[in-house]
Amino acid sequence: MTMKTNPRIILTGGPCAGKSTLLHALKKQGFCCQEESGRAIIQDQKRIGGPGLPSVSPLLFAELMLTLDIRGWHQAQNSPTMVFYDRGIPDIAGYLTLVGETVPDHLINAIHHFRYASTVILLPPWRAIYHQDNERKQSWDEAVRTYEAMVRTYQHYGYQLYTLPFASVNARMEQLIDKIRSIKTTEG
């Protein structure tokens, strides 16, 4: 007997585009959500004085993200609901490309092995809500370049992109759920 799995939906884009806010709203609605690994790693590495920071060792930072993202992928394996991810494994390749590093073969293998729904939800840069904080150090221009890198990366690895327009959290969530239902119907 084949067990049907629920779709794994990635929310991606540049920093401070509303991904985490949307993810928290989805969580309140009862959906399974995986938070961004990069932010958690930065917080933990700062707390312990570790070397796994993007400013210290981009490759180590990428490896730590990959480990957490694979773990998150496995943890959501039997979720009773759709699973939403604040970034996915392909984001790591986009990040490495953005900082001028070569994407290692094992990361490419992981991208092909740990697949998500074929449509990725893209949140474009939104200047009105953009701000920097303790983990988000990128300038506005870097945020735009990150967004562009994610678009290229996901297209390169065979994903379709659906761009959520600027709107309130509730309006974005409603549009997202409508889009995901159509994905689930065509893929599930």
C-alpha atoms as a PDB file:
ATOM      1  CA  MET A   1       0.000   0.000   0.000  1.00  0.00           C
ATOM      2  CA  THR A   2       1.372   3.417  -0.994  1.00  0.00           C
ATOM      3  CA  MET A   3       1.022   6.117   1.617  1.00  0.00           C
ATOM      4  CA  LYS A   4       0.023   9.515   0.270  1.00  0.00           C
ATOM      5  CA  THR A   5       2.093  12.372   1.630  1.00  0.00           C
ATOM      6  CA  ASN A   6       0.992  15.951   1.965  1.00  0.00           C
ATOM      7  CA  PRO A   7       2.783  18.573  -0.088  1.00  0.00           C
ATOM      8  CA  ARG A   8       5.896  20.260   1.227  1.00  0.00           C
ATOM      9  CA  ILE A   9       5.569  23.937   0.368  1.00  0.00           C
ATOM     10  CA  ILE A  10       8.578  26.246   0.330  1.00  0.00           C
ATOM     11  CA  LEU A  11       8.272  29.961   1.013  1.00  0.00           C
ATOM     12  CA  THR A  12      11.353  31.721  -0.359  1.00  0.00           C
ATOM     13  CA  GLY A  13      12.651  35.099  -1.459  1.00  0.00           C
ATOM     14  CA  GLY A  14      14.959  37.700  -0.033  1.00  0.00           C
ATOM     15  CA  PRO A  15      15.213  38.617   3.630  1.00  0.00           C
ATOM     16  CA  CYS A  16      12.359  40.532   5.244  1.00  0.00           C
ATOM     17  CA  ALA A  17       9.779  39.844   2.545  1.00  0.00           C
ATOM     18  CA  GLY A  18       7.180  38.529   5.003  1.00  0.00           C
ATOM     19  CA  LYS A  19       8.017  34.802   4.942  1.00  0.00           C
ATOM     20  CA  SER A  20       8.319  34.286   8.695  1.00  0.00           C
ATOM     21  CA  THR A  21       5.235  36.395   9.437  1.00  0.00           C
ATOM     22  CA  LEU A  22       3.220  34.366   6.943  1.00  0.00           C
ATOM     23  CA  LEU A  23       4.597  31.132   8.387  1.00  0.00           C
ATOM     24  CA  HIS A  24       3.510  32.133  11.909  1.00  0.00           C
ATOM     25  CA  ALA A  25      -0.001  32.905  10.622  1.00  0.00           C
ATOM     26  CA  LEU A  26      -0.145  29.484   8.939  1.00  0.00           C
ATOM     27  CA  LYS A  27       1.008  27.827  12.167  1.00  0.00           C
ATOM     28  CA  LYS A  28      -1.857  29.529  14.034  1.00  0.00           C
ATOM     29  CA  GLN A  29      -4.221  27.942  11.491  1.00  0.00           C
ATOM     30  CA  GLY A  30      -2.922  24.491  12.452  1.00  0.00           C
ATOM     31  CA  PHE A  31      -0.480  23.857   9.621  1.00  0.00           C
ATOM     32  CA  CYS A  32       2.862  22.175  10.203  1.00  0.00           C
ATOM     33  CA  CYS A  33       5.625  24.746   9.666  1.00  0.00           C
ATOM     34  CA  GLN A  34       9.414  24.479   9.602  1.00  0.00           C
ATOM     35  CA  GLU A  35      11.166  27.689  10.566  1.00  0.00           C
ATOM     36  CA  GLU A  36      14.193  29.107   8.787  1.00  0.00           C
ATOM     37  CA  SER A  37      17.347  27.185   9.680  1.00  0.00           C
ATOM     38  CA  GLY A  38      19.747  30.040   8.917  1.00  0.00           C
ATOM     39  CA  ARG A  39      18.312  32.357  11.545  1.00  0.00           C
ATOM     40  CA  ALA A  40      18.388  29.621  14.212  1.00  0.00           C
ATOM     41  CA  ILE A  41      21.992  28.760  13.364  1.00  0.00           C
ATOM     42  CA  ILE A  42      23.087  32.386  13.568  1.00  0.00           C
ATOM     43  CA  GLN A  43      21.425  32.742  16.975  1.00  0.00           C
ATOM     44  CA  ASP A  44      23.009  29.540  18.288  1.00  0.00           C
ATOM     45  CA  GLN A  45      26.465  30.253  16.872  1.00  0.00           C
ATOM     46  CA  LYS A  46      26.458  33.763  18.355  1.00  0.00           C
ATOM     47  CA  ARG A  47      25.357  32.359  21.714  1.00  0.00           C
ATOM     48  CA  ILE A  48      28.300  29.936  21.861  1.00  0.00           C
ATOM     49  CA  GLY A  49      30.884  32.005  19.978  1.00  0.00           C
ATOM     50  CA  GLY A  50      30.929  29.394  17.221  1.00  0.00           C
ATOM     51  CA  PRO A  51      32.506  29.615  13.765  1.00  0.00           C
ATOM     52  CA  GLY A  52      29.338  28.688  11.841  1.00  0.00           C
ATOM     53  CA  LEU A  53      28.365  32.242  10.955  1.00  0.00           C
ATOM     54  CA  PRO A  54      27.950  33.487   7.383  1.00  0.00           C
ATOM     55  CA  SER A  55      30.468  36.268   8.057  1.00  0.00           C
ATOM     56  CA  VAL A  56      33.060  33.812   9.419  1.00  0.00           C
ATOM     57  CA  SER A  57      32.649  30.624   7.385  1.00  0.00           C
ATOM     58  CA  PRO A  58      29.996  30.607   4.642  1.00  0.00           C
ATOM     59  CA  LEU A  59      30.680  26.939   3.857  1.00  0.00           C
ATOM     60  CA  LEU A  60      30.303  25.811   7.474  1.00  0.00           C
ATOM     61  CA  PHE A  61      27.147  27.929   7.771  1.00  0.00           C
ATOM     62  CA  ALA A  62      25.784  26.203   4.644  1.00  0.00           C
ATOM     63  CA  GLU A  63      26.611  22.740   6.035  1.00  0.00           C
ATOM     64  CA  LEU A  64      24.839  23.519   9.296  1.00  0.00           C
ATOM     65  CA  MET A  65      21.780  24.739   7.370  1.00  0.00           C
ATOM     66  CA  LEU A  66      21.813  21.600   5.229  1.00  0.00           C
ATOM     67  CA  THR A  67      21.871  19.370   8.305  1.00  0.00           C
ATOM     68  CA  LEU A  68      18.946  21.205   9.914  1.00  0.00           C
ATOM     69  CA  ASP A  69      16.966  21.347   6.671  1.00  0.00           C
ATOM     70  CA  ILE A  70      17.337  17.606   6.042  1.00  0.00           C
ATOM     71  CA  ARG A  71      16.295  16.910   9.622  1.00  0.00           C
ATOM     72  CA  GLY A  72      13.258  19.173   9.174  1.00  0.00           C
ATOM     73  CA  TRP A  73      12.371  17.413   5.933  1.00  0.00           C
ATOM     74  CA  HIS A  74      12.407  14.031   7.713  1.00  0.00           C
ATOM     75  CA  GLN A  75      10.518  15.293  10.771  1.00  0.00           C
ATOM     76  CA  ALA A  76       7.635  16.413   8.577  1.00  0.00           C
ATOM     77  CA  GLN A  77       7.455  13.073   6.747  1.00  0.00           C
ATOM     78  CA  ASN A  78       4.185  11.953   8.323  1.00  0.00           C
ATOM     79  CA  SER A  79       2.561  15.322   8.910  1.00  0.00           C
ATOM     80  CA  PRO A  80      -1.253  15.185   8.816  1.00  0.00           C
ATOM     81  CA  THR A  81      -1.293  18.586   7.064  1.00  0.00           C
ATOM     82  CA  MET A  82       0.569  20.395   4.345  1.00  0.00           C
ATOM     83  CA  VAL A  83       4.033  21.365   5.526  1.00  0.00           C
ATOM     84  CA  PHE A  84       5.294  24.897   4.983  1.00  0.00           C
ATOM     85  CA  TYR A  85       9.023  25.666   5.020  1.00  0.00           C
ATOM     86  CA  ASP A  86      10.624  29.059   5.620  1.00  0.00           C
ATOM     87  CA  ARG A  87      13.197  28.371   2.896  1.00  0.00           C
ATOM     88  CA  GLY A  88      14.217  24.967   1.596  1.00  0.00           C
ATOM     89  CA  ILE A  89      17.386  23.082   0.750  1.00  0.00           C
ATOM     90  CA  PRO A  90      17.759  24.808  -2.659  1.00  0.00           C
ATOM     91  CA  ASP A  91      18.038  28.146  -0.814  1.00  0.00           C
ATOM     92  CA  ILE A  92      21.419  26.956   0.456  1.00  0.00           C
ATOM     93  CA  ALA A  93      22.683  26.632  -3.126  1.00  0.00           C
ATOM     94  CA  GLY A  94      21.331  30.105  -3.869  1.00  0.00           C
ATOM     95  CA  TYR A  95      23.122  31.475  -0.817  1.00  0.00           C
ATOM     96  CA  LEU A  96      26.445  29.868  -1.774  1.00  0.00           C
ATOM     97  CA  THR A  97      26.180  31.175  -5.329  1.00  0.00           C
ATOM     98  CA  LEU A  98      25.367  34.633  -3.995  1.00  0.00           C
ATOM     99  CA  VAL A  99      28.501  34.711  -1.821  1.00  0.00           C
ATOM    100  CA  GLY A 100      30.715  33.382  -4.625  1.00  0.00           C
ATOM    101  CA  GLU A 101      31.190  29.831  -3.344  1.00  0.00           C
ATOM    102  CA  THR A 102      30.930  26.666  -5.412  1.00  0.00           C
ATOM    103  CA  VAL A 103      27.871  24.553  -4.695  1.00  0.00           C
ATOM    104  CA  PRO A 104      29.264  21.183  -3.508  1.00  0.00           C
ATOM    105  CA  ASP A 105      28.131  17.956  -5.159  1.00  0.00           C
ATOM    106  CA  HIS A 106      26.577  16.586  -1.971  1.00  0.00           C
ATOM    107  CA  LEU A 107      24.340  19.673  -1.736  1.00  0.00           C
ATOM    108  CA  ILE A 108      23.240  19.168  -5.342  1.00  0.00           C
ATOM    109  CA  ASN A 109      22.509  15.524  -4.473  1.00  0.00           C
ATOM    110  CA  ALA A 110      20.441  16.650  -1.472  1.00  0.00           C
ATOM    111  CA  ILE A 111      18.474  19.092  -3.649  1.00  0.00           C
ATOM    112  CA  HIS A 112      17.581  16.254  -6.019  1.00  0.00           C
ATOM    113  CA  HIS A 113      16.854  13.734  -3.258  1.00  0.00           C
ATOM    114  CA  PHE A 114      14.832  15.856  -0.818  1.00  0.00           C
ATOM    115  CA  ARG A 115      12.166  17.276  -3.123  1.00  0.00           C
ATOM    116  CA  TYR A 116       9.338  19.618  -2.247  1.00  0.00           C
ATOM    117  CA  ALA A 117       6.106  20.487  -4.076  1.00  0.00           C
ATOM    118  CA  SER A 118       6.933  21.487  -7.652  1.00  0.00           C
ATOM    119  CA  THR A 119       5.577  25.003  -7.108  1.00  0.00           C
ATOM    120  CA  VAL A 120       7.543  27.218  -4.742  1.00  0.00           C
ATOM    121  CA  ILE A 121       5.960  30.299  -3.200  1.00  0.00           C
ATOM    122  CA  LEU A 122       8.071  33.374  -3.863  1.00  0.00           C
ATOM    123  CA  LEU A 123       7.819  36.505  -1.735  1.00  0.00           C
ATOM    124  CA  PRO A 124       9.433  39.472  -3.504  1.00  0.00           C
ATOM    125  CA  PRO A 125      11.463  42.188  -1.767  1.00  0.00           C
ATOM    126  CA  TRP A 126       9.137  44.618  -0.019  1.00  0.00           C
ATOM    127  CA  ARG A 127      10.782  47.902   0.861  1.00  0.00           C
ATOM    128  CA  ALA A 128       7.870  49.032   3.056  1.00  0.00           C
ATOM    129  CA  ILE A 129       8.516  46.237   5.572  1.00  0.00           C
ATOM    130  CA  TYR A 130      12.273  45.790   5.117  1.00  0.00           C
ATOM    131  CA  HIS A 131      14.467  46.268   8.183  1.00  0.00           C
ATOM    132  CA  GLN A 132      17.684  44.881   9.616  1.00  0.00           C
ATOM    133  CA  ASP A 133      17.983  43.091  12.953  1.00  0.00           C
ATOM    134  CA  ASN A 134      20.471  40.997  14.947  1.00  0.00           C
ATOM    135  CA  GLU A 135      20.469  38.160  12.397  1.00  0.00           C
ATOM    136  CA  ARG A 136      19.423  40.033   9.246  1.00  0.00           C
ATOM    137  CA  LYS A 137      22.386  42.219   8.338  1.00  0.00           C
ATOM    138  CA  GLN A 138      21.849  42.500   4.566  1.00  0.00           C
ATOM    139  CA  SER A 139      21.337  45.906   2.980  1.00  0.00           C
ATOM    140  CA  TRP A 140      18.305  46.510   0.774  1.00  0.00           C
ATOM    141  CA  ASP A 141      20.459  45.922  -2.335  1.00  0.00           C
ATOM    142  CA  GLU A 142      21.714  42.626  -0.887  1.00  0.00           C
ATOM    143  CA  ALA A 143      18.117  41.635  -0.133  1.00  0.00           C
ATOM    144  CA  VAL A 144      17.178  42.230  -3.775  1.00  0.00           C
ATOM    145  CA  ARG A 145      20.206  40.236  -4.982  1.00  0.00           C
ATOM    146  CA  THR A 146      19.241  37.405  -2.611  1.00  0.00           C
ATOM    147  CA  TYR A 147      15.734  37.361  -4.063  1.00  0.00           C
ATOM    148  CA  GLU A 148      17.145  37.247  -7.605  1.00  0.00           C
ATOM    149  CA  ALA A 149      19.527  34.424  -6.644  1.00  0.00           C
ATOM    150  CA  MET A 150      16.628  32.391  -5.223  1.00  0.00           C
ATOM    151  CA  VAL A 151      14.599  32.871  -8.408  1.00  0.00           C
ATOM    152  CA  ARG A 152      17.500  31.609 -10.546  1.00  0.00           C
ATOM    153  CA  THR A 153      18.282  28.737  -8.176  1.00  0.00           C
ATOM    154  CA  TYR A 154      14.765  27.346  -7.947  1.00  0.00           C
ATOM    155  CA  GLN A 155      14.274  27.627 -11.705  1.00  0.00           C
ATOM    156  CA  HIS A 156      17.618  25.888 -12.253  1.00  0.00           C
ATOM    157  CA  TYR A 157      16.517  22.943 -10.104  1.00  0.00           C
ATOM    158  CA  GLY A 158      13.207  22.544 -11.931  1.00  0.00           C
ATOM    159  CA  TYR A 159      10.753  24.290  -9.631  1.00  0.00           C
ATOM    160  CA  GLN A 160       7.920  26.528 -10.781  1.00  0.00           C
ATOM    161  CA  LEU A 161       7.553  29.845  -8.994  1.00  0.00           C
ATOM    162  CA  TYR A 162       4.367  31.492  -7.821  1.00  0.00           C
ATOM    163  CA  THR A 163       4.817  35.070  -6.626  1.00  0.00           C
ATOM    164  CA  LEU A 164       2.627  36.274  -3.780  1.00  0.00           C
ATOM    165  CA  PRO A 165       1.737  39.947  -4.214  1.00  0.00           C
ATOM    166  CA  PHE A 166       2.200  42.574  -1.524  1.00  0.00           C
ATOM    167  CA  ALA A 167      -0.835  42.412   0.758  1.00  0.00           C
ATOM    168  CA  SER A 168      -1.843  41.992   4.380  1.00  0.00           C
ATOM    169  CA  VAL A 169      -0.804  38.785   6.118  1.00  0.00           C
ATOM    170  CA  ASN A 170      -4.373  37.455   6.030  1.00  0.00           C
ATOM    171  CA  ALA A 171      -4.807  38.279   2.334  1.00  0.00           C
ATOM    172  CA  ARG A 172      -1.486  36.624   1.494  1.00  0.00           C
ATOM    173  CA  MET A 173      -2.396  33.570   3.574  1.00  0.00           C
ATOM    174  CA  GLU A 174      -5.762  33.230   1.840  1.00  0.00           C
ATOM    175  CA  GLN A 175      -4.182  33.518  -1.607  1.00  0.00           C
ATOM    176  CA  LEU A 176      -1.447  31.067  -0.615  1.00  0.00           C
ATOM    177  CA  ILE A 177      -3.905  28.455   0.655  1.00  0.00           C
ATOM    178  CA  ASP A 178      -5.997  28.786  -2.521  1.00  0.00           C
ATOM    179  CA  LYS A 179      -2.871  28.277  -4.639  1.00  0.00           C
ATOM    180  CA  ILE A 180      -1.722  25.324  -2.543  1.00  0.00           C
ATOM    181  CA  ARG A 181      -5.093  23.619  -2.876  1.00  0.00           C
ATOM    182  CA  SER A 182      -4.696  23.769  -6.647  1.00  0.00           C
ATOM    183  CA  ILE A 183      -1.163  22.348  -6.327  1.00  0.00           C
ATOM    184  CA  LYS A 184      -2.408  19.544  -4.074  1.00  0.00           C
ATOM    185  CA  THR A 185      -5.168  18.748  -6.577  1.00  0.00           C
ATOM    186  CA  THR A 186      -2.768  18.537  -9.516  1.00  0.00           C
ATOM    187  CA  GLU A 187       0.105  16.801  -7.683  1.00  0.00           C
ATOM    188  CA  GLY A 188      -1.690  14.778  -5.053  1.00  0.00           C
END
